Amino acid sequence: MRTKDEYYELIQKNRELARDPEVLRCTCPQTFCEWHGRCRECVALHRYHKDHVPACFQPFINEKLKDLVKIGELTAVEKERTPAEYWAYVREQDKKQAKD
């Protein structure tokens, strides 16, 4: 277990990282998503729905899971992504509703 001093150093490092715009930049590949760049809202919605993790978390989680799956001599298949056209459709529908 960490000492109090080690924990304090970790917190100081995290505070420094949280001030870095590059660390805070949204890395999600789903750039058409309505919540792209609004990570706090995105994560909250994923927590609420509990159906899958945000797309930006999936690569590093999948790497770890693939290693675990290999131990059981299984294979892992990634879920199909939502097509970008769906977000275009959402925007079209929003415009229609705004006119009505």
PDB file of N, CA and C in Angstrom:
ATOM      1  N   MET A   1       0.845  -1.183   0.000  1.00  0.00           N
ATOM      2  CA  MET A   1       0.000   0.000   0.000  1.00  0.00           C
ATOM      3  C   MET A   1       0.888   1.242   0.000  1.00  0.00           C
ATOM      4  N   ARG A   2       0.388   2.291  -0.643  1.00  0.00           N
ATOM      5  CA  ARG A   2       1.128   3.565  -0.685  1.00  0.00           C
ATOM      6  C   ARG A   2       1.169   4.213   0.699  1.00  0.00           C
ATOM      7  N   THR A   3       2.206   4.994   0.893  1.00  0.00           N
ATOM      8  CA  THR A   3       2.259   5.818   2.098  1.00  0.00           C
ATOM      9  C   THR A   3       1.449   7.083   1.834  1.00  0.00           C
ATOM     10  N   LYS A   4       1.184   7.834   2.869  1.00  0.00           N
ATOM     11  CA  LYS A   4       0.461   9.099   2.711  1.00  0.00           C
ATOM     12  C   LYS A   4       1.239  10.049   1.809  1.00  0.00           C
ATOM     13  N   ASP A   5       2.550  10.071   1.969  1.00  0.00           N
ATOM     14  CA  ASP A   5       3.386  10.945   1.142  1.00  0.00           C
ATOM     15  C   ASP A   5       3.350  10.522  -0.327  1.00  0.00           C
ATOM     16  N   GLU A   6       3.404   9.228  -0.577  1.00  0.00           N
ATOM     17  CA  GLU A   6       3.324   8.739  -1.960  1.00  0.00           C
ATOM     18  C   GLU A   6       1.968   9.082  -2.580  1.00  0.00           C
ATOM     19  N   TYR A   7       0.925   8.949  -1.779  1.00  0.00           N
ATOM     20  CA  TYR A   7      -0.412   9.280  -2.262  1.00  0.00           C
ATOM     21  C   TYR A   7      -0.507  10.776  -2.574  1.00  0.00           C
ATOM     22  N   TYR A   8       0.041  11.598  -1.709  1.00  0.00           N
ATOM     23  CA  TYR A   8       0.023  13.043  -1.941  1.00  0.00           C
ATOM     24  C   TYR A   8       0.781  13.385  -3.226  1.00  0.00           C
ATOM     25  N   GLU A   9       1.910  12.744  -3.472  1.00  0.00           N
ATOM     26  CA  GLU A   9       2.675  12.968  -4.710  1.00  0.00           C
ATOM     27  C   GLU A   9       1.853  12.563  -5.932  1.00  0.00           C
ATOM     28  N   LEU A  10       1.129  11.464  -5.834  1.00  0.00           N
ATOM     29  CA  LEU A  10       0.264  11.024  -6.923  1.00  0.00           C
ATOM     30  C   LEU A  10      -0.821  12.063  -7.212  1.00  0.00           C
ATOM     31  N   ILE A  11      -1.435  12.581  -6.162  1.00  0.00           N
ATOM     32  CA  ILE A  11      -2.474  13.611  -6.324  1.00  0.00           C
ATOM     33  C   ILE A  11      -1.887  14.861  -6.970  1.00  0.00           C
ATOM     34  N   GLN A  12      -0.705  15.259  -6.552  1.00  0.00           N
ATOM     35  CA  GLN A  12      -0.044  16.421  -7.159  1.00  0.00           C
ATOM     36  C   GLN A  12       0.191  16.192  -8.649  1.00  0.00           C
ATOM     37  N   LYS A  13       0.638  15.001  -9.012  1.00  0.00           N
ATOM     38  CA  LYS A  13       0.880  14.659 -10.420  1.00  0.00           C
ATOM     39  C   LYS A  13      -0.443  14.675 -11.199  1.00  0.00           C
ATOM     40  N   ASN A  14      -1.498  14.128 -10.612  1.00  0.00           N
ATOM     41  CA  ASN A  14      -2.808  14.133 -11.280  1.00  0.00           C
ATOM     42  C   ASN A  14      -3.339  15.552 -11.463  1.00  0.00           C
ATOM     43  N   ARG A  15      -3.123  16.413 -10.487  1.00  0.00           N
ATOM     44  CA  ARG A  15      -3.544  17.810 -10.627  1.00  0.00           C
ATOM     45  C   ARG A  15      -2.805  18.482 -11.778  1.00  0.00           C
ATOM     46  N   GLU A  16      -1.519  18.175 -11.882  1.00  0.00           N
ATOM     47  CA  GLU A  16      -0.712  18.722 -12.983  1.00  0.00           C
ATOM     48  C   GLU A  16      -1.235  18.209 -14.332  1.00  0.00           C
ATOM     49  N   LEU A  17      -1.500  16.925 -14.406  1.00  0.00           N
ATOM     50  CA  LEU A  17      -2.033  16.349 -15.649  1.00  0.00           C
ATOM     51  C   LEU A  17      -3.382  16.959 -16.017  1.00  0.00           C
ATOM     52  N   ALA A  18      -4.233  17.204 -15.025  1.00  0.00           N
ATOM     53  CA  ALA A  18      -5.566  17.750 -15.278  1.00  0.00           C
ATOM     54  C   ALA A  18      -5.518  19.188 -15.791  1.00  0.00           C
ATOM     55  N   ARG A  19      -4.391  19.845 -15.667  1.00  0.00           N
ATOM     56  CA  ARG A  19      -4.242  21.204 -16.209  1.00  0.00           C
ATOM     57  C   ARG A  19      -3.724  21.197 -17.646  1.00  0.00           C
ATOM     58  N   ASP A  20      -3.299  20.040 -18.120  1.00  0.00           N
ATOM     59  CA  ASP A  20      -2.723  19.921 -19.458  1.00  0.00           C
ATOM     60  C   ASP A  20      -3.835  19.745 -20.498  1.00  0.00           C
ATOM     61  N   PRO A  21      -4.010  20.703 -21.414  1.00  0.00           N
ATOM     62  CA  PRO A  21      -5.076  20.600 -22.421  1.00  0.00           C
ATOM     63  C   PRO A  21      -4.956  19.344 -23.291  1.00  0.00           C
ATOM     64  N   GLU A  22      -3.749  18.873 -23.523  1.00  0.00           N
ATOM     65  CA  GLU A  22      -3.577  17.674 -24.352  1.00  0.00           C
ATOM     66  C   GLU A  22      -4.121  16.427 -23.642  1.00  0.00           C
ATOM     67  N   VAL A  23      -3.960  16.369 -22.340  1.00  0.00           N
ATOM     68  CA  VAL A  23      -4.492  15.247 -21.565  1.00  0.00           C
ATOM     69  C   VAL A  23      -6.020  15.311 -21.544  1.00  0.00           C
ATOM     70  N   LEU A  24      -6.577  16.505 -21.517  1.00  0.00           N
ATOM     71  CA  LEU A  24      -8.030  16.682 -21.438  1.00  0.00           C
ATOM     72  C   LEU A  24      -8.732  16.593 -22.795  1.00  0.00           C
ATOM     73  N   ARG A  25      -7.961  16.573 -23.877  1.00  0.00           N
ATOM     74  CA  ARG A  25      -8.534  16.510 -25.222  1.00  0.00           C
ATOM     75  C   ARG A  25      -9.316  15.209 -25.402  1.00  0.00           C
ATOM     76  N   CYS A  26     -10.492  15.293 -26.014  1.00  0.00           N
ATOM     77  CA  CYS A  26     -11.315  14.118 -26.271  1.00  0.00           C
ATOM     78  C   CYS A  26     -10.663  13.271 -27.364  1.00  0.00           C
ATOM     79  N   THR A  27     -10.382  12.016 -27.041  1.00  0.00           N
ATOM     80  CA  THR A  27      -9.724  11.118 -27.986  1.00  0.00           C
ATOM     81  C   THR A  27     -10.688  10.144 -28.643  1.00  0.00           C
ATOM     82  N   CYS A  28     -11.958  10.318 -28.403  1.00  0.00           N
ATOM     83  CA  CYS A  28     -12.948   9.363 -28.913  1.00  0.00           C
ATOM     84  C   CYS A  28     -12.995   9.391 -30.442  1.00  0.00           C
ATOM     85  N   PRO A  29     -12.994   8.219 -31.071  1.00  0.00           N
ATOM     86  CA  PRO A  29     -13.058   8.162 -32.531  1.00  0.00           C
ATOM     87  C   PRO A  29     -14.457   8.441 -33.081  1.00  0.00           C
ATOM     88  N   GLN A  30     -15.460   8.476 -32.216  1.00  0.00           N
ATOM     89  CA  GLN A  30     -16.839   8.726 -32.657  1.00  0.00           C
ATOM     90  C   GLN A  30     -17.062  10.248 -32.761  1.00  0.00           C
ATOM     91  N   THR A  31     -16.449  10.875 -33.742  1.00  0.00           N
ATOM     92  CA  THR A  31     -16.476  12.335 -33.839  1.00  0.00           C
ATOM     93  C   THR A  31     -17.841  12.898 -34.222  1.00  0.00           C
ATOM     94  N   PHE A  32     -18.720  12.078 -34.779  1.00  0.00           N
ATOM     95  CA  PHE A  32     -20.054  12.559 -35.127  1.00  0.00           C
ATOM     96  C   PHE A  32     -21.013  12.510 -33.945  1.00  0.00           C
ATOM     97  N   CYS A  33     -20.598  11.873 -32.878  1.00  0.00           N
ATOM     98  CA  CYS A  33     -21.452  11.723 -31.700  1.00  0.00           C
ATOM     99  C   CYS A  33     -21.792  13.098 -31.121  1.00  0.00           C
ATOM    100  N   GLU A  34     -23.017  13.233 -30.689  1.00  0.00           N
ATOM    101  CA  GLU A  34     -23.483  14.496 -30.111  1.00  0.00           C
ATOM    102  C   GLU A  34     -22.685  14.894 -28.869  1.00  0.00           C
ATOM    103  N   TRP A  35     -22.137  13.919 -28.166  1.00  0.00           N
ATOM    104  CA  TRP A  35     -21.416  14.204 -26.927  1.00  0.00           C
ATOM    105  C   TRP A  35     -19.905  14.208 -27.108  1.00  0.00           C
ATOM    106  N   HIS A  36     -19.420  14.161 -28.354  1.00  0.00           N
ATOM    107  CA  HIS A  36     -17.976  14.194 -28.592  1.00  0.00           C
ATOM    108  C   HIS A  36     -17.391  15.477 -28.008  1.00  0.00           C
ATOM    109  N   GLY A  37     -16.374  15.328 -27.203  1.00  0.00           N
ATOM    110  CA  GLY A  37     -15.743  16.482 -26.558  1.00  0.00           C
ATOM    111  C   GLY A  37     -16.404  16.875 -25.257  1.00  0.00           C
ATOM    112  N   ARG A  38     -17.535  16.271 -24.948  1.00  0.00           N
ATOM    113  CA  ARG A  38     -18.246  16.534 -23.689  1.00  0.00           C
ATOM    114  C   ARG A  38     -18.177  15.244 -22.865  1.00  0.00           C
ATOM    115  N   CYS A  39     -16.960  14.896 -22.500  1.00  0.00           N
ATOM    116  CA  CYS A  39     -16.661  13.589 -21.919  1.00  0.00           C
ATOM    117  C   CYS A  39     -17.415  13.322 -20.617  1.00  0.00           C
ATOM    118  N   ARG A  40     -17.564  14.326 -19.803  1.00  0.00           N
ATOM    119  CA  ARG A  40     -18.252  14.120 -18.519  1.00  0.00           C
ATOM    120  C   ARG A  40     -19.683  13.654 -18.754  1.00  0.00           C
ATOM    121  N   GLU A  41     -20.378  14.318 -19.695  1.00  0.00           N
ATOM    122  CA  GLU A  41     -21.752  13.933 -20.018  1.00  0.00           C
ATOM    123  C   GLU A  41     -21.783  12.550 -20.652  1.00  0.00           C
ATOM    124  N   CYS A  42     -20.844  12.287 -21.551  1.00  0.00           N
ATOM    125  CA  CYS A  42     -20.771  10.996 -22.232  1.00  0.00           C
ATOM    126  C   CYS A  42     -20.617   9.857 -21.228  1.00  0.00           C
ATOM    127  N   VAL A  43     -19.669   9.988 -20.330  1.00  0.00           N
ATOM    128  CA  VAL A  43     -19.419   8.944 -19.335  1.00  0.00           C
ATOM    129  C   VAL A  43     -20.639   8.780 -18.431  1.00  0.00           C
ATOM    130  N   ALA A  44     -21.266   9.874 -18.045  1.00  0.00           N
ATOM    131  CA  ALA A  44     -22.460   9.792 -17.195  1.00  0.00           C
ATOM    132  C   ALA A  44     -23.583   9.033 -17.901  1.00  0.00           C
ATOM    133  N   LEU A  45     -23.772   9.283 -19.191  1.00  0.00           N
ATOM    134  CA  LEU A  45     -24.810   8.576 -19.940  1.00  0.00           C
ATOM    135  C   LEU A  45     -24.491   7.084 -20.064  1.00  0.00           C
ATOM    136  N   HIS A  46     -23.236   6.757 -20.298  1.00  0.00           N
ATOM    137  CA  HIS A  46     -22.855   5.345 -20.373  1.00  0.00           C
ATOM    138  C   HIS A  46     -23.037   4.656 -19.022  1.00  0.00           C
ATOM    139  N   ARG A  47     -22.727   5.347 -17.948  1.00  0.00           N
ATOM    140  CA  ARG A  47     -22.957   4.770 -16.617  1.00  0.00           C
ATOM    141  C   ARG A  47     -24.440   4.539 -16.396  1.00  0.00           C
ATOM    142  N   TYR A  48     -25.252   5.498 -16.785  1.00  0.00           N
ATOM    143  CA  TYR A  48     -26.691   5.393 -16.583  1.00  0.00           C
ATOM    144  C   TYR A  48     -27.281   4.208 -17.349  1.00  0.00           C
ATOM    145  N   HIS A  49     -26.929   4.076 -18.627  1.00  0.00           N
ATOM    146  CA  HIS A  49     -27.509   3.027 -19.466  1.00  0.00           C
ATOM    147  C   HIS A  49     -26.888   1.650 -19.241  1.00  0.00           C
ATOM    148  N   LYS A  50     -25.655   1.611 -18.793  1.00  0.00           N
ATOM    149  CA  LYS A  50     -24.948   0.367 -18.470  1.00  0.00           C
ATOM    150  C   LYS A  50     -24.972  -0.648 -19.609  1.00  0.00           C
ATOM    151  N   ASP A  51     -24.949  -0.180 -20.867  1.00  0.00           N
ATOM    152  CA  ASP A  51     -24.975  -1.133 -21.969  1.00  0.00           C
ATOM    153  C   ASP A  51     -23.598  -1.368 -22.568  1.00  0.00           C
ATOM    154  N   HIS A  52     -22.713  -0.400 -22.524  1.00  0.00           N
ATOM    155  CA  HIS A  52     -21.333  -0.579 -22.971  1.00  0.00           C
ATOM    156  C   HIS A  52     -20.513   0.609 -22.507  1.00  0.00           C
ATOM    157  N   VAL A  53     -19.214   0.504 -22.638  1.00  0.00           N
ATOM    158  CA  VAL A  53     -18.339   1.592 -22.199  1.00  0.00           C
ATOM    159  C   VAL A  53     -18.150   2.583 -23.346  1.00  0.00           C
ATOM    160  N   PRO A  54     -17.812   3.832 -23.038  1.00  0.00           N
ATOM    161  CA  PRO A  54     -17.575   4.817 -24.096  1.00  0.00           C
ATOM    162  C   PRO A  54     -16.529   4.332 -25.095  1.00  0.00           C
ATOM    163  N   ALA A  55     -16.686   4.739 -26.331  1.00  0.00           N
ATOM    164  CA  ALA A  55     -15.794   4.290 -27.415  1.00  0.00           C
ATOM    165  C   ALA A  55     -14.335   4.629 -27.132  1.00  0.00           C
ATOM    166  N   CYS A  56     -14.065   5.717 -26.435  1.00  0.00           N
ATOM    167  CA  CYS A  56     -12.672   6.086 -26.151  1.00  0.00           C
ATOM    168  C   CYS A  56     -12.030   5.133 -25.144  1.00  0.00           C
ATOM    169  N   PHE A  57     -12.812   4.452 -24.314  1.00  0.00           N
ATOM    170  CA  PHE A  57     -12.279   3.498 -23.342  1.00  0.00           C
ATOM    171  C   PHE A  57     -12.074   2.115 -23.956  1.00  0.00           C
ATOM    172  N   GLN A  58     -12.799   1.822 -25.022  1.00  0.00           N
ATOM    173  CA  GLN A  58     -12.819   0.467 -25.561  1.00  0.00           C
ATOM    174  C   GLN A  58     -11.455  -0.066 -25.999  1.00  0.00           C
ATOM    175  N   PRO A  59     -10.602   0.724 -26.682  1.00  0.00           N
ATOM    176  CA  PRO A  59      -9.321   0.141 -27.127  1.00  0.00           C
ATOM    177  C   PRO A  59      -8.468  -0.430 -25.999  1.00  0.00           C
ATOM    178  N   PHE A  60      -8.290   0.312 -24.906  1.00  0.00           N
ATOM    179  CA  PHE A  60      -7.423  -0.218 -23.853  1.00  0.00           C
ATOM    180  C   PHE A  60      -8.115  -1.306 -23.039  1.00  0.00           C
ATOM    181  N   ILE A  61      -9.423  -1.251 -22.901  1.00  0.00           N
ATOM    182  CA  ILE A  61     -10.143  -2.329 -22.220  1.00  0.00           C
ATOM    183  C   ILE A  61     -10.090  -3.598 -23.076  1.00  0.00           C
ATOM    184  N   ASN A  62     -10.320  -3.434 -24.395  1.00  0.00           N
ATOM    185  CA  ASN A  62     -10.299  -4.588 -25.294  1.00  0.00           C
ATOM    186  C   ASN A  62      -8.930  -5.276 -25.310  1.00  0.00           C
ATOM    187  N   GLU A  63      -7.854  -4.492 -25.259  1.00  0.00           N
ATOM    188  CA  GLU A  63      -6.510  -5.083 -25.213  1.00  0.00           C
ATOM    189  C   GLU A  63      -6.367  -5.998 -23.990  1.00  0.00           C
ATOM    190  N   LYS A  64      -6.814  -5.503 -22.862  1.00  0.00           N
ATOM    191  CA  LYS A  64      -6.715  -6.288 -21.630  1.00  0.00           C
ATOM    192  C   LYS A  64      -7.619  -7.520 -21.691  1.00  0.00           C
ATOM    193  N   LEU A  65      -8.827  -7.350 -22.225  1.00  0.00           N
ATOM    194  CA  LEU A  65      -9.754  -8.476 -22.323  1.00  0.00           C
ATOM    195  C   LEU A  65      -9.256  -9.540 -23.291  1.00  0.00           C
ATOM    196  N   LYS A  66      -8.670  -9.116 -24.411  1.00  0.00           N
ATOM    197  CA  LYS A  66      -8.151 -10.083 -25.381  1.00  0.00           C
ATOM    198  C   LYS A  66      -7.080 -10.962 -24.748  1.00  0.00           C
ATOM    199  N   ASP A  67      -6.239 -10.378 -23.905  1.00  0.00           N
ATOM    200  CA  ASP A  67      -5.223 -11.166 -23.210  1.00  0.00           C
ATOM    201  C   ASP A  67      -5.874 -12.178 -22.262  1.00  0.00           C
ATOM    202  N   LEU A  68      -6.930 -11.755 -21.560  1.00  0.00           N
ATOM    203  CA  LEU A  68      -7.633 -12.677 -20.664  1.00  0.00           C
ATOM    204  C   LEU A  68      -8.331 -13.788 -21.443  1.00  0.00           C
ATOM    205  N   VAL A  69      -8.946 -13.423 -22.550  1.00  0.00           N
ATOM    206  CA  VAL A  69      -9.682 -14.388 -23.377  1.00  0.00           C
ATOM    207  C   VAL A  69      -8.739 -15.459 -23.912  1.00  0.00           C
ATOM    208  N   LYS A  70      -7.521 -15.078 -24.264  1.00  0.00           N
ATOM    209  CA  LYS A  70      -6.532 -16.036 -24.771  1.00  0.00           C
ATOM    210  C   LYS A  70      -6.228 -17.126 -23.741  1.00  0.00           C
ATOM    211  N   ILE A  71      -6.242 -16.740 -22.475  1.00  0.00           N
ATOM    212  CA  ILE A  71      -5.956 -17.711 -21.412  1.00  0.00           C
ATOM    213  C   ILE A  71      -6.976 -18.852 -21.465  1.00  0.00           C
ATOM    214  N   GLY A  72      -8.228 -18.502 -21.742  1.00  0.00           N
ATOM    215  CA  GLY A  72      -9.280 -19.514 -21.825  1.00  0.00           C
ATOM    216  C   GLY A  72      -9.400 -20.135 -23.201  1.00  0.00           C
ATOM    217  N   GLU A  73      -8.421 -19.842 -24.079  1.00  0.00           N
ATOM    218  CA  GLU A  73      -8.409 -20.350 -25.446  1.00  0.00           C
ATOM    219  C   GLU A  73      -9.696 -20.002 -26.192  1.00  0.00           C
ATOM    220  N   LEU A  74     -10.149 -18.778 -25.987  1.00  0.00           N
ATOM    221  CA  LEU A  74     -11.341 -18.253 -26.661  1.00  0.00           C
ATOM    222  C   LEU A  74     -10.921 -17.154 -27.623  1.00  0.00           C
ATOM    223  N   THR A  75     -11.876 -16.623 -28.358  1.00  0.00           N
ATOM    224  CA  THR A  75     -11.614 -15.468 -29.208  1.00  0.00           C
ATOM    225  C   THR A  75     -12.592 -14.368 -28.839  1.00  0.00           C
ATOM    226  N   ALA A  76     -12.166 -13.147 -29.034  1.00  0.00           N
ATOM    227  CA  ALA A  76     -13.013 -11.994 -28.758  1.00  0.00           C
ATOM    228  C   ALA A  76     -13.342 -11.308 -30.076  1.00  0.00           C
ATOM    229  N   VAL A  77     -14.598 -10.916 -30.214  1.00  0.00           N
ATOM    230  CA  VAL A  77     -15.046 -10.229 -31.424  1.00  0.00           C
ATOM    231  C   VAL A  77     -15.596  -8.875 -31.007  1.00  0.00           C
ATOM    232  N   GLU A  78     -15.094  -7.813 -31.648  1.00  0.00           N
ATOM    233  CA  GLU A  78     -15.556  -6.475 -31.297  1.00  0.00           C
ATOM    234  C   GLU A  78     -16.950  -6.222 -31.859  1.00  0.00           C
ATOM    235  N   LYS A  79     -17.733  -5.478 -31.107  1.00  0.00           N
ATOM    236  CA  LYS A  79     -19.088  -5.109 -31.489  1.00  0.00           C
ATOM    237  C   LYS A  79     -19.035  -4.148 -32.678  1.00  0.00           C
ATOM    238  N   GLU A  80     -20.003  -4.265 -33.560  1.00  0.00           N
ATOM    239  CA  GLU A  80     -20.080  -3.368 -34.714  1.00  0.00           C
ATOM    240  C   GLU A  80     -20.364  -1.939 -34.237  1.00  0.00           C
ATOM    241  N   ARG A  81     -19.667  -0.986 -34.820  1.00  0.00           N
ATOM    242  CA  ARG A  81     -19.839   0.425 -34.435  1.00  0.00           C
ATOM    243  C   ARG A  81     -21.096   1.021 -35.072  1.00  0.00           C
ATOM    244  N   THR A  82     -21.642   2.019 -34.410  1.00  0.00           N
ATOM    245  CA  THR A  82     -22.783   2.741 -34.963  1.00  0.00           C
ATOM    246  C   THR A  82     -22.308   3.536 -36.175  1.00  0.00           C
ATOM    247  N   PRO A  83     -22.967   3.382 -37.312  1.00  0.00           N
ATOM    248  CA  PRO A  83     -22.538   4.106 -38.513  1.00  0.00           C
ATOM    249  C   PRO A  83     -22.681   5.623 -38.352  1.00  0.00           C
ATOM    250  N   ALA A  84     -21.770   6.364 -38.962  1.00  0.00           N
ATOM    251  CA  ALA A  84     -21.806   7.836 -38.901  1.00  0.00           C
ATOM    252  C   ALA A  84     -23.112   8.367 -39.480  1.00  0.00           C
ATOM    253  N   GLU A  85     -23.681   7.639 -40.446  1.00  0.00           N
ATOM    254  CA  GLU A  85     -24.942   8.092 -41.056  1.00  0.00           C
ATOM    255  C   GLU A  85     -26.061   8.207 -40.026  1.00  0.00           C
ATOM    256  N   TYR A  86     -25.993   7.420 -38.954  1.00  0.00           N
ATOM    257  CA  TYR A  86     -27.029   7.501 -37.926  1.00  0.00           C
ATOM    258  C   TYR A  86     -27.005   8.864 -37.246  1.00  0.00           C
ATOM    259  N   TRP A  87     -25.780   9.395 -37.017  1.00  0.00           N
ATOM    260  CA  TRP A  87     -25.689  10.721 -36.402  1.00  0.00           C
ATOM    261  C   TRP A  87     -26.178  11.797 -37.363  1.00  0.00           C
ATOM    262  N   ALA A  88     -25.919  11.626 -38.652  1.00  0.00           N
ATOM    263  CA  ALA A  88     -26.446  12.566 -39.642  1.00  0.00           C
ATOM    264  C   ALA A  88     -27.972  12.538 -39.596  1.00  0.00           C
ATOM    265  N   TYR A  89     -28.545  11.357 -39.473  1.00  0.00           N
ATOM    266  CA  TYR A  89     -30.003  11.212 -39.385  1.00  0.00           C
ATOM    267  C   TYR A  89     -30.542  11.903 -38.132  1.00  0.00           C
ATOM    268  N   VAL A  90     -29.850  11.749 -37.014  1.00  0.00           N
ATOM    269  CA  VAL A  90     -30.266  12.405 -35.764  1.00  0.00           C
ATOM    270  C   VAL A  90     -30.301  13.917 -35.976  1.00  0.00           C
ATOM    271  N   ARG A  91     -29.269  14.455 -36.619  1.00  0.00           N
ATOM    272  CA  ARG A  91     -29.222  15.907 -36.859  1.00  0.00           C
ATOM    273  C   ARG A  91     -30.353  16.351 -37.780  1.00  0.00           C
ATOM    274  N   GLU A  92     -30.648  15.564 -38.797  1.00  0.00           N
ATOM    275  CA  GLU A  92     -31.767  15.878 -39.699  1.00  0.00           C
ATOM    276  C   GLU A  92     -33.073  15.906 -38.943  1.00  0.00           C
ATOM    277  N   GLN A  93     -33.296  14.895 -38.114  1.00  0.00           N
ATOM    278  CA  GLN A  93     -34.533  14.829 -37.334  1.00  0.00           C
ATOM    279  C   GLN A  93     -34.641  15.996 -36.350  1.00  0.00           C
ATOM    280  N   ASP A  94     -33.519  16.378 -35.744  1.00  0.00           N
ATOM    281  CA  ASP A  94     -33.515  17.529 -34.838  1.00  0.00           C
ATOM    282  C   ASP A  94     -33.920  18.800 -35.574  1.00  0.00           C
ATOM    283  N   LYS A  95     -33.407  18.978 -36.786  1.00  0.00           N
ATOM    284  CA  LYS A  95     -33.753  20.152 -37.590  1.00  0.00           C
ATOM    285  C   LYS A  95     -35.236  20.146 -37.923  1.00  0.00           C
ATOM    286  N   LYS A  96     -35.790  18.998 -38.299  1.00  0.00           N
ATOM    287  CA  LYS A  96     -37.209  18.880 -38.617  1.00  0.00           C
ATOM    288  C   LYS A  96     -38.061  19.249 -37.419  1.00  0.00           C
ATOM    289  N   GLN A  97     -37.687  18.733 -36.250  1.00  0.00           N
ATOM    290  CA  GLN A  97     -38.455  19.003 -35.039  1.00  0.00           C
ATOM    291  C   GLN A  97     -38.353  20.472 -34.638  1.00  0.00           C
ATOM    292  N   ALA A  98     -37.225  21.091 -34.901  1.00  0.00           N
ATOM    293  CA  ALA A  98     -37.052  22.516 -34.572  1.00  0.00           C
ATOM    294  C   ALA A  98     -37.960  23.389 -35.433  1.00  0.00           C
ATOM    295  N   LYS A  99     -38.215  22.940 -36.680  1.00  0.00           N
ATOM    296  CA  LYS A  99     -39.075  23.695 -37.583  1.00  0.00           C
ATOM    297  C   LYS A  99     -40.541  23.558 -37.197  1.00  0.00           C
ATOM    298  N   ASP A 100     -40.905  22.420 -36.630  1.00  0.00           N
ATOM    299  CA  ASP A 100     -42.315  22.156 -36.272  1.00  0.00           C
ATOM    300  C   ASP A 100     -42.769  22.897 -35.064  1.00  0.00           C
TER     301      ASP A 100
END
